[in-house]
Amino acid sequence: MKSLVIDADRHTPDTLDAVHVEQHDIETRAGECRVAVTLAGICGTDLQILQGYAGFSGVPGHEFVGVVETAPDGDRHWIGKRVVGEINIGCGTCDWCRADTANHCPTRTVLGIVGRAGAFASHLSLPAGNFHIVPDTLDDEAAVLVEPTAAACEILTQVDIGPRARVGVVGDGRMALLVGQVLRTTGADVTLFGKHDWKLQVARDLGLDAKRSADDVPTSTFDVTVDVTGRPAGLSRAMELVRPRGTVVMKSTFHGETPITLWPAIVDEVTLVGSRCGPFADAIALLTGGQVHIGPLLAGTYPLEEFGAAFNAARSELKVLLQP
């Protein structure tokens, strides 16, 4: 068994000096299943972890598809199943967990982000309650994007977006392209704003309206804007574009602070919504139904040992996968 490990105590931001592959036994926690990881996806949060986000040490990675190898009594029917998994593991007894919102459990662990080894490894440990079966019609490359697609679907559980809505998605990276496709399923008029011509062309090829962020676009135009830039400036741009009494959805997580002037949000009575993890079942349905396309996003697959090349590619390309 092998894992990609980050040693935060020795880490210098923007380098891979404290990242290495280890050969060792991978712990399967009590009451949990062991999953052989087939593919894992590098996302913006993983790149931010290399910057020091969440002070994480250990095995990163939270987007995965794999096959269940072992399971405790009562969960053995999962053995041999191809699965994806929700990344938050709660205590199971607090009010949040009893309300089926373990993603806000105060003592939760989060796969590859908080207190738990992640998916950049040959195997991982996860409770069976976090699993979702991958349909036979969904290949591994699409299945590994269930988790970020679910995060995009979360917006639709938080904000009422109808076919008459005007939506601006600020960002042109992998997550922004998923968000744009998911929000388009409502029939809304969705415009994606970015700064990379080739990524904007990918958006157009996916059927999205795409513009450069620097284009002369009237401010206070959109009913809903979504910051998916992963950069501090993205929220300011999303607030410029939203209309009075509109909604700004904050999807960016990154290491550091976001300097922003808030008085316009008060004067224009703008609603700010934080948005994180979302419904896997909805994401699987959109991917299997062909409403979300991932082919144009895929930039390459690397073995775990070539993590340096993989991370460097992920900084400039769209979706990069690891094959542990």
C-alpha atoms as a PDB file:
ATOM      1  CA  MET A   1       0.000   0.000   0.000  1.00  0.00           C
ATOM      2  CA  LYS A   2       1.185   3.526  -0.701  1.00  0.00           C
ATOM      3  CA  SER A   3       0.180   7.098   0.069  1.00  0.00           C
ATOM      4  CA  LEU A   4       1.112  10.631  -0.943  1.00  0.00           C
ATOM      5  CA  VAL A   5       1.992  12.485   2.262  1.00  0.00           C
ATOM      6  CA  ILE A   6       2.369  16.189   3.086  1.00  0.00           C
ATOM      7  CA  ASP A   7       4.454  17.092   6.127  1.00  0.00           C
ATOM      8  CA  ALA A   8       3.154  20.563   7.028  1.00  0.00           C
ATOM      9  CA  ASP A   9       5.964  21.135   9.552  1.00  0.00           C
ATOM     10  CA  ARG A  10       8.527  21.054   6.748  1.00  0.00           C
ATOM     11  CA  HIS A  11       6.405  22.632   4.036  1.00  0.00           C
ATOM     12  CA  THR A  12       7.233  25.819   2.164  1.00  0.00           C
ATOM     13  CA  PRO A  13       4.307  27.280   0.171  1.00  0.00           C
ATOM     14  CA  ASP A  14       4.478  26.957  -3.633  1.00  0.00           C
ATOM     15  CA  THR A  15       6.890  24.022  -3.363  1.00  0.00           C
ATOM     16  CA  LEU A  16       6.661  20.251  -3.137  1.00  0.00           C
ATOM     17  CA  ASP A  17       9.567  20.017  -0.698  1.00  0.00           C
ATOM     18  CA  ALA A  18       7.567  18.236   2.015  1.00  0.00           C
ATOM     19  CA  VAL A  19       5.519  15.976  -0.292  1.00  0.00           C
ATOM     20  CA  HIS A  20       6.558  12.360  -0.775  1.00  0.00           C
ATOM     21  CA  VAL A  21       5.203   8.883  -1.448  1.00  0.00           C
ATOM     22  CA  GLU A  22       5.312   6.401   1.427  1.00  0.00           C
ATOM     23  CA  GLN A  23       4.947   2.628   1.346  1.00  0.00           C
ATOM     24  CA  HIS A  24       3.139   1.515   4.505  1.00  0.00           C
ATOM     25  CA  ASP A  25       0.069  -0.208   5.888  1.00  0.00           C
ATOM     26  CA  ILE A  26      -3.006   2.011   5.556  1.00  0.00           C
ATOM     27  CA  GLU A  27      -5.229   2.022   8.632  1.00  0.00           C
ATOM     28  CA  THR A  28      -8.845   0.982   8.280  1.00  0.00           C
ATOM     29  CA  ARG A  29     -10.666   2.660  11.149  1.00  0.00           C
ATOM     30  CA  ALA A  30     -12.915   0.647  13.441  1.00  0.00           C
ATOM     31  CA  GLY A  31     -16.379   0.187  11.962  1.00  0.00           C
ATOM     32  CA  GLU A  32     -15.284   1.449   8.547  1.00  0.00           C
ATOM     33  CA  CYS A  33     -14.575  -0.045   5.128  1.00  0.00           C
ATOM     34  CA  ARG A  34     -11.336  -0.196   3.182  1.00  0.00           C
ATOM     35  CA  VAL A  35     -11.593   1.091  -0.381  1.00  0.00           C
ATOM     36  CA  ALA A  36      -9.064   0.454  -3.146  1.00  0.00           C
ATOM     37  CA  VAL A  37      -8.793   3.822  -4.910  1.00  0.00           C
ATOM     38  CA  THR A  38      -9.084   3.577  -8.696  1.00  0.00           C
ATOM     39  CA  LEU A  39      -8.800   7.278  -9.529  1.00  0.00           C
ATOM     40  CA  ALA A  40      -8.533  10.475  -7.486  1.00  0.00           C
ATOM     41  CA  GLY A  41      -8.982  14.054  -8.654  1.00  0.00           C
ATOM     42  CA  ILE A  42      -6.787  17.059  -7.855  1.00  0.00           C
ATOM     43  CA  CYS A  43      -8.971  20.071  -7.051  1.00  0.00           C
ATOM     44  CA  GLY A  44      -8.387  23.664  -6.066  1.00  0.00           C
ATOM     45  CA  THR A  45      -8.593  22.821  -2.366  1.00  0.00           C
ATOM     46  CA  ASP A  46      -5.730  20.343  -2.755  1.00  0.00           C
ATOM     47  CA  LEU A  47      -3.623  23.057  -4.359  1.00  0.00           C
ATOM     48  CA  GLN A  48      -4.542  25.409  -1.499  1.00  0.00           C
ATOM     49  CA  ILE A  49      -3.474  22.725   0.998  1.00  0.00           C
ATOM     50  CA  LEU A  50      -0.027  22.997  -0.588  1.00  0.00           C
ATOM     51  CA  GLN A  51      -0.221  26.712   0.308  1.00  0.00           C
ATOM     52  CA  GLY A  52      -1.008  25.864   3.948  1.00  0.00           C
ATOM     53  CA  TYR A  53      -4.828  25.802   3.862  1.00  0.00           C
ATOM     54  CA  ALA A  54      -6.303  24.217   7.044  1.00  0.00           C
ATOM     55  CA  GLY A  55      -2.781  23.471   8.288  1.00  0.00           C
ATOM     56  CA  PHE A  56      -3.205  19.951   6.951  1.00  0.00           C
ATOM     57  CA  SER A  57      -0.576  17.249   7.434  1.00  0.00           C
ATOM     58  CA  GLY A  58      -0.981  13.742   6.070  1.00  0.00           C
ATOM     59  CA  VAL A  59      -2.590  12.277   2.966  1.00  0.00           C
ATOM     60  CA  PRO A  60      -4.636  14.834   0.954  1.00  0.00           C
ATOM     61  CA  GLY A  61      -7.327  14.184  -1.667  1.00  0.00           C
ATOM     62  CA  HIS A  62     -11.106  13.892  -1.377  1.00  0.00           C
ATOM     63  CA  GLU A  63     -12.412  13.251  -4.902  1.00  0.00           C
ATOM     64  CA  PHE A  64     -12.254   9.542  -5.670  1.00  0.00           C
ATOM     65  CA  VAL A  65     -13.808   6.461  -7.172  1.00  0.00           C
ATOM     66  CA  GLY A  66     -12.844   3.008  -5.930  1.00  0.00           C
ATOM     67  CA  VAL A  67     -13.864  -0.518  -5.041  1.00  0.00           C
ATOM     68  CA  VAL A  68     -14.752  -1.630  -1.517  1.00  0.00           C
ATOM     69  CA  GLU A  69     -12.334  -4.367  -0.362  1.00  0.00           C
ATOM     70  CA  THR A  70     -13.259  -4.956   3.270  1.00  0.00           C
ATOM     71  CA  ALA A  71     -16.226  -4.080   5.476  1.00  0.00           C
ATOM     72  CA  PRO A  72     -17.380  -4.768   9.031  1.00  0.00           C
ATOM     73  CA  ASP A  73     -20.247  -7.115   9.828  1.00  0.00           C
ATOM     74  CA  GLY A  74     -23.494  -5.559   8.664  1.00  0.00           C
ATOM     75  CA  ASP A  75     -21.823  -3.757   5.766  1.00  0.00           C
ATOM     76  CA  ARG A  76     -20.296  -6.716   3.943  1.00  0.00           C
ATOM     77  CA  HIS A  77     -22.763  -6.334   1.064  1.00  0.00           C
ATOM     78  CA  TRP A  78     -20.638  -3.361  -0.025  1.00  0.00           C
ATOM     79  CA  ILE A  79     -17.596  -5.546  -0.746  1.00  0.00           C
ATOM     80  CA  GLY A  80     -16.805  -5.514  -4.463  1.00  0.00           C
ATOM     81  CA  LYS A  81     -19.015  -2.497  -5.155  1.00  0.00           C
ATOM     82  CA  ARG A  82     -17.664   0.456  -7.159  1.00  0.00           C
ATOM     83  CA  VAL A  83     -18.324   3.559  -5.092  1.00  0.00           C
ATOM     84  CA  VAL A  84     -17.805   7.246  -4.568  1.00  0.00           C
ATOM     85  CA  GLY A  85     -17.985   8.706  -1.074  1.00  0.00           C
ATOM     86  CA  GLU A  86     -19.154  11.775   0.794  1.00  0.00           C
ATOM     87  CA  ILE A  87     -16.193  13.386   2.491  1.00  0.00           C
ATOM     88  CA  ASN A  88     -17.569  14.525   5.886  1.00  0.00           C
ATOM     89  CA  ILE A  89     -17.631  12.014   8.744  1.00  0.00           C
ATOM     90  CA  GLY A  90     -19.532  13.222  11.807  1.00  0.00           C
ATOM     91  CA  CYS A  91     -19.766  11.897  15.351  1.00  0.00           C
ATOM     92  CA  GLY A  92     -23.204  10.419  14.637  1.00  0.00           C
ATOM     93  CA  THR A  93     -24.794  11.645  17.876  1.00  0.00           C
ATOM     94  CA  CYS A  94     -24.868  15.471  17.845  1.00  0.00           C
ATOM     95  CA  ASP A  95     -27.844  17.542  16.668  1.00  0.00           C
ATOM     96  CA  TRP A  96     -26.176  18.178  13.303  1.00  0.00           C
ATOM     97  CA  CYS A  97     -25.588  14.480  12.654  1.00  0.00           C
ATOM     98  CA  ARG A  98     -29.104  13.518  13.782  1.00  0.00           C
ATOM     99  CA  ALA A  99     -30.428  16.115  11.310  1.00  0.00           C
ATOM    100  CA  ASP A 100     -28.415  14.421   8.525  1.00  0.00           C
ATOM    101  CA  THR A 101     -26.016  17.382   8.245  1.00  0.00           C
ATOM    102  CA  ALA A 102     -22.759  15.778   9.347  1.00  0.00           C
ATOM    103  CA  ASN A 103     -20.892  18.305   7.196  1.00  0.00           C
ATOM    104  CA  HIS A 104     -21.441  20.749  10.093  1.00  0.00           C
ATOM    105  CA  CYS A 105     -20.723  18.348  12.965  1.00  0.00           C
ATOM    106  CA  PRO A 106     -18.331  20.257  15.274  1.00  0.00           C
ATOM    107  CA  THR A 107     -16.109  17.193  15.735  1.00  0.00           C
ATOM    108  CA  ARG A 108     -16.260  15.914  12.146  1.00  0.00           C
ATOM    109  CA  THR A 109     -13.303  14.716  10.156  1.00  0.00           C
ATOM    110  CA  VAL A 110     -13.073  15.497   6.444  1.00  0.00           C
ATOM    111  CA  LEU A 111     -11.446  13.163   3.961  1.00  0.00           C
ATOM    112  CA  GLY A 112      -8.025  14.509   3.060  1.00  0.00           C
ATOM    113  CA  ILE A 113      -8.714  17.915   4.630  1.00  0.00           C
ATOM    114  CA  VAL A 114      -9.377  17.682   8.394  1.00  0.00           C
ATOM    115  CA  GLY A 115      -8.090  14.934  10.668  1.00  0.00           C
ATOM    116  CA  ARG A 116      -8.339  12.066   8.189  1.00  0.00           C
ATOM    117  CA  ALA A 117      -6.104  10.507   5.540  1.00  0.00           C
ATOM    118  CA  GLY A 118      -7.446  11.130   2.057  1.00  0.00           C
ATOM    119  CA  ALA A 119      -7.702   9.665  -1.425  1.00  0.00           C
ATOM    120  CA  PHE A 120      -4.192  10.248  -2.785  1.00  0.00           C
ATOM    121  CA  ALA A 121      -3.354   6.708  -1.772  1.00  0.00           C
ATOM    122  CA  SER A 122      -3.826   3.155  -2.937  1.00  0.00           C
ATOM    123  CA  HIS A 123      -6.487   2.693  -0.226  1.00  0.00           C
ATOM    124  CA  LEU A 124      -8.640   4.793   2.100  1.00  0.00           C
ATOM    125  CA  SER A 125     -10.964   4.228   5.058  1.00  0.00           C
ATOM    126  CA  LEU A 126     -14.555   5.462   5.100  1.00  0.00           C
ATOM    127  CA  PRO A 127     -17.853   4.477   6.762  1.00  0.00           C
ATOM    128  CA  ALA A 128     -20.290   2.600   4.534  1.00  0.00           C
ATOM    129  CA  GLY A 129     -22.898   5.272   5.257  1.00  0.00           C
ATOM    130  CA  ASN A 130     -20.863   7.690   3.140  1.00  0.00           C
ATOM    131  CA  PHE A 131     -20.914   5.497   0.021  1.00  0.00           C
ATOM    132  CA  HIS A 132     -22.896   5.870  -3.182  1.00  0.00           C
ATOM    133  CA  ILE A 133     -22.948   3.145  -5.823  1.00  0.00           C
ATOM    134  CA  VAL A 134     -21.552   4.192  -9.193  1.00  0.00           C
ATOM    135  CA  PRO A 135     -23.924   3.178 -12.008  1.00  0.00           C
ATOM    136  CA  ASP A 136     -22.472   0.910 -14.692  1.00  0.00           C
ATOM    137  CA  THR A 137     -23.152   3.629 -17.269  1.00  0.00           C
ATOM    138  CA  LEU A 138     -20.772   6.050 -15.514  1.00  0.00           C
ATOM    139  CA  ASP A 139     -17.076   5.487 -16.211  1.00  0.00           C
ATOM    140  CA  ASP A 140     -14.367   6.061 -13.609  1.00  0.00           C
ATOM    141  CA  GLU A 141     -13.273   9.400 -15.106  1.00  0.00           C
ATOM    142  CA  ALA A 142     -16.781  10.785 -14.722  1.00  0.00           C
ATOM    143  CA  ALA A 143     -17.352   9.153 -11.339  1.00  0.00           C
ATOM    144  CA  VAL A 144     -14.335  10.871  -9.801  1.00  0.00           C
ATOM    145  CA  LEU A 145     -16.082  14.196 -10.507  1.00  0.00           C
ATOM    146  CA  VAL A 146     -19.231  13.279  -8.569  1.00  0.00           C
ATOM    147  CA  GLU A 147     -17.980  15.094  -5.452  1.00  0.00           C
ATOM    148  CA  PRO A 148     -17.310  18.473  -7.112  1.00  0.00           C
ATOM    149  CA  THR A 149     -20.497  18.171  -9.182  1.00  0.00           C
ATOM    150  CA  ALA A 150     -22.380  17.593  -5.917  1.00  0.00           C
ATOM    151  CA  ALA A 151     -20.795  20.757  -4.518  1.00  0.00           C
ATOM    152  CA  ALA A 152     -22.173  22.616  -7.546  1.00  0.00           C
ATOM    153  CA  CYS A 153     -25.607  21.045  -6.961  1.00  0.00           C
ATOM    154  CA  GLU A 154     -25.565  22.379  -3.395  1.00  0.00           C
ATOM    155  CA  ILE A 155     -26.218  25.862  -4.785  1.00  0.00           C
ATOM    156  CA  LEU A 156     -29.638  24.696  -5.988  1.00  0.00           C
ATOM    157  CA  THR A 157     -30.542  23.560  -2.456  1.00  0.00           C
ATOM    158  CA  GLN A 158     -29.679  27.014  -1.090  1.00  0.00           C
ATOM    159  CA  VAL A 159     -30.853  29.496  -3.727  1.00  0.00           C
ATOM    160  CA  ASP A 160     -34.078  29.549  -5.741  1.00  0.00           C
ATOM    161  CA  ILE A 161     -32.906  29.758  -9.363  1.00  0.00           C
ATOM    162  CA  GLY A 162     -35.658  29.594 -11.970  1.00  0.00           C
ATOM    163  CA  PRO A 163     -35.757  29.754 -15.761  1.00  0.00           C
ATOM    164  CA  ARG A 164     -36.098  33.549 -15.740  1.00  0.00           C
ATOM    165  CA  ALA A 165     -33.024  34.112 -13.577  1.00  0.00           C
ATOM    166  CA  ARG A 166     -29.840  35.746 -14.820  1.00  0.00           C
ATOM    167  CA  VAL A 167     -26.811  34.036 -13.291  1.00  0.00           C
ATOM    168  CA  GLY A 168     -23.170  35.104 -13.471  1.00  0.00           C
ATOM    169  CA  VAL A 169     -20.452  32.549 -12.675  1.00  0.00           C
ATOM    170  CA  VAL A 170     -17.161  34.274 -11.876  1.00  0.00           C
ATOM    171  CA  GLY A 171     -14.272  31.963 -12.729  1.00  0.00           C
ATOM    172  CA  ASP A 172     -13.264  29.723 -15.624  1.00  0.00           C
ATOM    173  CA  GLY A 173     -11.603  26.777 -13.874  1.00  0.00           C
ATOM    174  CA  ARG A 174     -12.768  23.189 -13.431  1.00  0.00           C
ATOM    175  CA  MET A 175     -15.244  24.004 -10.647  1.00  0.00           C
ATOM    176  CA  ALA A 176     -16.667  27.027 -12.453  1.00  0.00           C
ATOM    177  CA  LEU A 177     -17.322  24.905 -15.545  1.00  0.00           C
ATOM    178  CA  LEU A 178     -19.195  22.372 -13.418  1.00  0.00           C
ATOM    179  CA  VAL A 179     -21.179  25.103 -11.643  1.00  0.00           C
ATOM    180  CA  GLY A 180     -22.126  26.679 -14.953  1.00  0.00           C
ATOM    181  CA  GLN A 181     -23.413  23.376 -16.325  1.00  0.00           C
ATOM    182  CA  VAL A 182     -25.362  22.513 -13.168  1.00  0.00           C
ATOM    183  CA  LEU A 183     -27.049  25.924 -12.902  1.00  0.00           C
ATOM    184  CA  ARG A 184     -27.953  25.813 -16.584  1.00  0.00           C
ATOM    185  CA  THR A 185     -30.178  22.785 -15.882  1.00  0.00           C
ATOM    186  CA  THR A 186     -32.681  25.167 -14.252  1.00  0.00           C
ATOM    187  CA  GLY A 187     -33.237  26.927 -17.577  1.00  0.00           C
ATOM    188  CA  ALA A 188     -31.582  30.073 -16.205  1.00  0.00           C
ATOM    189  CA  ASP A 189     -29.563  32.414 -18.419  1.00  0.00           C
ATOM    190  CA  VAL A 190     -26.001  31.576 -17.267  1.00  0.00           C
ATOM    191  CA  THR A 191     -22.931  33.637 -18.192  1.00  0.00           C
ATOM    192  CA  LEU A 192     -19.433  32.547 -17.188  1.00  0.00           C
ATOM    193  CA  PHE A 193     -16.707  35.160 -16.651  1.00  0.00           C
ATOM    194  CA  GLY A 194     -13.002  34.314 -16.874  1.00  0.00           C
ATOM    195  CA  LYS A 195      -9.611  35.546 -17.981  1.00  0.00           C
ATOM    196  CA  HIS A 196      -8.208  32.604 -19.963  1.00  0.00           C
ATOM    197  CA  ASP A 197      -9.309  32.533 -23.597  1.00  0.00           C
ATOM    198  CA  TRP A 198      -8.823  28.779 -23.970  1.00  0.00           C
ATOM    199  CA  LYS A 199     -10.895  28.017 -20.864  1.00  0.00           C
ATOM    200  CA  LEU A 200     -13.621  30.366 -22.059  1.00  0.00           C
ATOM    201  CA  GLN A 201     -13.629  28.425 -25.335  1.00  0.00           C
ATOM    202  CA  VAL A 202     -14.110  25.195 -23.359  1.00  0.00           C
ATOM    203  CA  ALA A 203     -17.105  26.858 -21.697  1.00  0.00           C
ATOM    204  CA  ARG A 204     -18.530  27.809 -25.088  1.00  0.00           C
ATOM    205  CA  ASP A 205     -17.945  24.281 -26.381  1.00  0.00           C
ATOM    206  CA  LEU A 206     -20.034  23.105 -23.408  1.00  0.00           C
ATOM    207  CA  GLY A 207     -22.826  25.423 -24.554  1.00  0.00           C
ATOM    208  CA  LEU A 208     -22.258  28.162 -21.973  1.00  0.00           C
ATOM    209  CA  ASP A 209     -22.192  31.891 -22.675  1.00  0.00           C
ATOM    210  CA  ALA A 210     -18.675  33.009 -21.749  1.00  0.00           C
ATOM    211  CA  LYS A 211     -17.063  36.446 -21.476  1.00  0.00           C
ATOM    212  CA  ARG A 212     -13.752  37.857 -20.348  1.00  0.00           C
ATOM    213  CA  SER A 213     -13.932  39.337 -16.843  1.00  0.00           C
ATOM    214  CA  ALA A 214     -12.449  42.568 -18.163  1.00  0.00           C
ATOM    215  CA  ASP A 215     -15.215  43.003 -20.758  1.00  0.00           C
ATOM    216  CA  ASP A 216     -17.492  45.999 -20.374  1.00  0.00           C
ATOM    217  CA  VAL A 217     -20.379  44.282 -18.602  1.00  0.00           C
ATOM    218  CA  PRO A 218     -22.948  46.455 -16.810  1.00  0.00           C
ATOM    219  CA  THR A 219     -22.661  46.149 -13.041  1.00  0.00           C
ATOM    220  CA  SER A 220     -25.657  45.242 -10.884  1.00  0.00           C
ATOM    221  CA  THR A 221     -26.993  43.050 -13.687  1.00  0.00           C
ATOM    222  CA  PHE A 222     -27.392  39.494 -12.366  1.00  0.00           C
ATOM    223  CA  ASP A 223     -29.965  38.013 -10.005  1.00  0.00           C
ATOM    224  CA  VAL A 224     -27.392  35.514  -8.709  1.00  0.00           C
ATOM    225  CA  THR A 225     -23.609  35.525  -8.972  1.00  0.00           C
ATOM    226  CA  VAL A 226     -21.264  32.741  -7.918  1.00  0.00           C
ATOM    227  CA  ASP A 227     -17.603  33.262  -7.022  1.00  0.00           C
ATOM    228  CA  VAL A 228     -15.719  30.140  -8.127  1.00  0.00           C
ATOM    229  CA  THR A 229     -12.344  31.758  -8.781  1.00  0.00           C
ATOM    230  CA  GLY A 230     -10.413  30.427  -5.797  1.00  0.00           C
ATOM    231  CA  ARG A 231      -8.914  33.923  -5.528  1.00  0.00           C
ATOM    232  CA  PRO A 232      -9.644  36.896  -3.220  1.00  0.00           C
ATOM    233  CA  ALA A 233     -10.612  39.186  -6.103  1.00  0.00           C
ATOM    234  CA  GLY A 234     -13.405  36.858  -7.226  1.00  0.00           C
ATOM    235  CA  LEU A 235     -15.819  37.852  -4.475  1.00  0.00           C
ATOM    236  CA  SER A 236     -15.425  41.556  -5.271  1.00  0.00           C
ATOM    237  CA  ARG A 237     -16.250  40.899  -8.914  1.00  0.00           C
ATOM    238  CA  ALA A 238     -19.272  38.781  -7.980  1.00  0.00           C
ATOM    239  CA  MET A 239     -20.555  41.624  -5.800  1.00  0.00           C
ATOM    240  CA  GLU A 240     -20.068  44.134  -8.606  1.00  0.00           C
ATOM    241  CA  LEU A 241     -22.164  42.044 -10.977  1.00  0.00           C
ATOM    242  CA  VAL A 242     -25.110  41.214  -8.688  1.00  0.00           C
ATOM    243  CA  ARG A 243     -28.218  43.392  -8.703  1.00  0.00           C
ATOM    244  CA  PRO A 244     -29.725  45.008  -5.579  1.00  0.00           C
ATOM    245  CA  ARG A 245     -31.450  42.368  -3.445  1.00  0.00           C
ATOM    246  CA  GLY A 246     -29.660  39.712  -5.437  1.00  0.00           C
ATOM    247  CA  THR A 247     -27.632  36.784  -4.068  1.00  0.00           C
ATOM    248  CA  VAL A 248     -23.884  36.165  -4.115  1.00  0.00           C
ATOM    249  CA  VAL A 249     -22.835  32.543  -3.625  1.00  0.00           C
ATOM    250  CA  MET A 250     -19.323  32.082  -2.221  1.00  0.00           C
ATOM    251  CA  LYS A 251     -17.722  28.860  -3.508  1.00  0.00           C
ATOM    252  CA  SER A 252     -14.031  29.734  -3.200  1.00  0.00           C
ATOM    253  CA  THR A 253     -11.876  28.261  -0.456  1.00  0.00           C
ATOM    254  CA  PHE A 254      -8.253  29.329  -0.250  1.00  0.00           C
ATOM    255  CA  HIS A 255      -5.412  29.947   2.165  1.00  0.00           C
ATOM    256  CA  GLY A 256      -5.451  33.553   3.321  1.00  0.00           C
ATOM    257  CA  GLU A 257      -7.863  36.434   3.753  1.00  0.00           C
ATOM    258  CA  THR A 258     -10.335  38.160   1.432  1.00  0.00           C
ATOM    259  CA  PRO A 259     -10.122  41.979   1.612  1.00  0.00           C
ATOM    260  CA  ILE A 260     -13.518  43.321   0.624  1.00  0.00           C
ATOM    261  CA  THR A 261     -15.659  46.426   1.032  1.00  0.00           C
ATOM    262  CA  LEU A 262     -19.000  45.343   2.467  1.00  0.00           C
ATOM    263  CA  TRP A 263     -21.004  48.563   2.526  1.00  0.00           C
ATOM    264  CA  PRO A 264     -22.402  47.965  -1.018  1.00  0.00           C
ATOM    265  CA  ALA A 265     -23.863  44.659   0.186  1.00  0.00           C
ATOM    266  CA  ILE A 266     -25.617  46.527   2.991  1.00  0.00           C
ATOM    267  CA  VAL A 267     -26.873  49.395   0.855  1.00  0.00           C
ATOM    268  CA  ASP A 268     -28.073  47.058  -1.936  1.00  0.00           C
ATOM    269  CA  GLU A 269     -29.418  44.473   0.549  1.00  0.00           C
ATOM    270  CA  VAL A 270     -27.408  41.700  -1.081  1.00  0.00           C
ATOM    271  CA  THR A 271     -27.576  38.187   0.377  1.00  0.00           C
ATOM    272  CA  LEU A 272     -24.228  36.405   0.824  1.00  0.00           C
ATOM    273  CA  VAL A 273     -24.411  32.596   0.857  1.00  0.00           C
ATOM    274  CA  GLY A 274     -21.548  30.298   1.782  1.00  0.00           C
ATOM    275  CA  SER A 275     -21.726  27.021  -0.117  1.00  0.00           C
ATOM    276  CA  ARG A 276     -19.712  23.840   0.298  1.00  0.00           C
ATOM    277  CA  CYS A 277     -20.535  20.118  -0.044  1.00  0.00           C
ATOM    278  CA  GLY A 278     -23.681  18.915  -1.762  1.00  0.00           C
ATOM    279  CA  PRO A 279     -26.030  16.043  -2.710  1.00  0.00           C
ATOM    280  CA  PHE A 280     -24.255  13.101  -4.379  1.00  0.00           C
ATOM    281  CA  ALA A 281     -27.473  11.549  -5.706  1.00  0.00           C
ATOM    282  CA  ASP A 282     -28.293  14.710  -7.669  1.00  0.00           C
ATOM    283  CA  ALA A 283     -24.763  14.848  -9.071  1.00  0.00           C
ATOM    284  CA  ILE A 284     -24.832  11.200 -10.169  1.00  0.00           C
ATOM    285  CA  ALA A 285     -28.178  11.786 -11.891  1.00  0.00           C
ATOM    286  CA  LEU A 286     -26.852  14.798 -13.834  1.00  0.00           C
ATOM    287  CA  LEU A 287     -23.675  12.993 -14.878  1.00  0.00           C
ATOM    288  CA  THR A 288     -25.439   9.809 -15.966  1.00  0.00           C
ATOM    289  CA  GLY A 289     -28.145  11.834 -17.713  1.00  0.00           C
ATOM    290  CA  GLY A 290     -25.598  13.748 -19.779  1.00  0.00           C
ATOM    291  CA  GLN A 291     -26.572  17.169 -18.434  1.00  0.00           C
ATOM    292  CA  VAL A 292     -23.051  17.658 -17.075  1.00  0.00           C
ATOM    293  CA  HIS A 293     -20.155  16.794 -19.391  1.00  0.00           C
ATOM    294  CA  ILE A 294     -16.675  16.160 -18.017  1.00  0.00           C
ATOM    295  CA  GLY A 295     -14.766  15.055 -21.137  1.00  0.00           C
ATOM    296  CA  PRO A 296     -13.589  18.567 -22.125  1.00  0.00           C
ATOM    297  CA  LEU A 297     -12.320  19.123 -18.564  1.00  0.00           C
ATOM    298  CA  LEU A 298      -9.961  16.132 -18.404  1.00  0.00           C
ATOM    299  CA  ALA A 299      -6.317  17.134 -18.867  1.00  0.00           C
ATOM    300  CA  GLY A 300      -4.394  13.985 -17.927  1.00  0.00           C
ATOM    301  CA  THR A 301      -3.925  11.048 -15.571  1.00  0.00           C
ATOM    302  CA  TYR A 302      -0.700  10.472 -13.649  1.00  0.00           C
ATOM    303  CA  PRO A 303       0.593   7.641 -11.446  1.00  0.00           C
ATOM    304  CA  LEU A 304       0.957   8.604  -7.794  1.00  0.00           C
ATOM    305  CA  GLU A 305       4.748   8.626  -8.077  1.00  0.00           C
ATOM    306  CA  GLU A 306       4.542  11.440 -10.663  1.00  0.00           C
ATOM    307  CA  PHE A 307       2.759  13.763  -8.237  1.00  0.00           C
ATOM    308  CA  GLY A 308       5.084  16.672  -9.035  1.00  0.00           C
ATOM    309  CA  ALA A 309       4.115  16.701 -12.695  1.00  0.00           C
ATOM    310  CA  ALA A 310       0.473  16.159 -11.746  1.00  0.00           C
ATOM    311  CA  PHE A 311       0.329  19.110  -9.329  1.00  0.00           C
ATOM    312  CA  ASN A 312       2.163  21.365 -11.774  1.00  0.00           C
ATOM    313  CA  ALA A 313      -0.307  20.426 -14.511  1.00  0.00           C
ATOM    314  CA  ALA A 314      -3.252  21.037 -12.180  1.00  0.00           C
ATOM    315  CA  ARG A 315      -2.075  24.615 -11.601  1.00  0.00           C
ATOM    316  CA  SER A 316      -2.545  25.524 -15.261  1.00  0.00           C
ATOM    317  CA  GLU A 317      -4.793  22.847 -16.795  1.00  0.00           C
ATOM    318  CA  LEU A 318      -8.346  21.847 -15.941  1.00  0.00           C
ATOM    319  CA  LYS A 319      -8.974  18.408 -14.364  1.00  0.00           C
ATOM    320  CA  VAL A 320      -5.916  16.323 -13.517  1.00  0.00           C
ATOM    321  CA  LEU A 321      -6.323  12.816 -12.071  1.00  0.00           C
ATOM    322  CA  LEU A 322      -4.058  10.554 -10.024  1.00  0.00           C
ATOM    323  CA  GLN A 323      -4.079   6.782 -10.459  1.00  0.00           C
ATOM    324  CA  PRO A 324      -2.824   5.305  -7.200  1.00  0.00           C
END
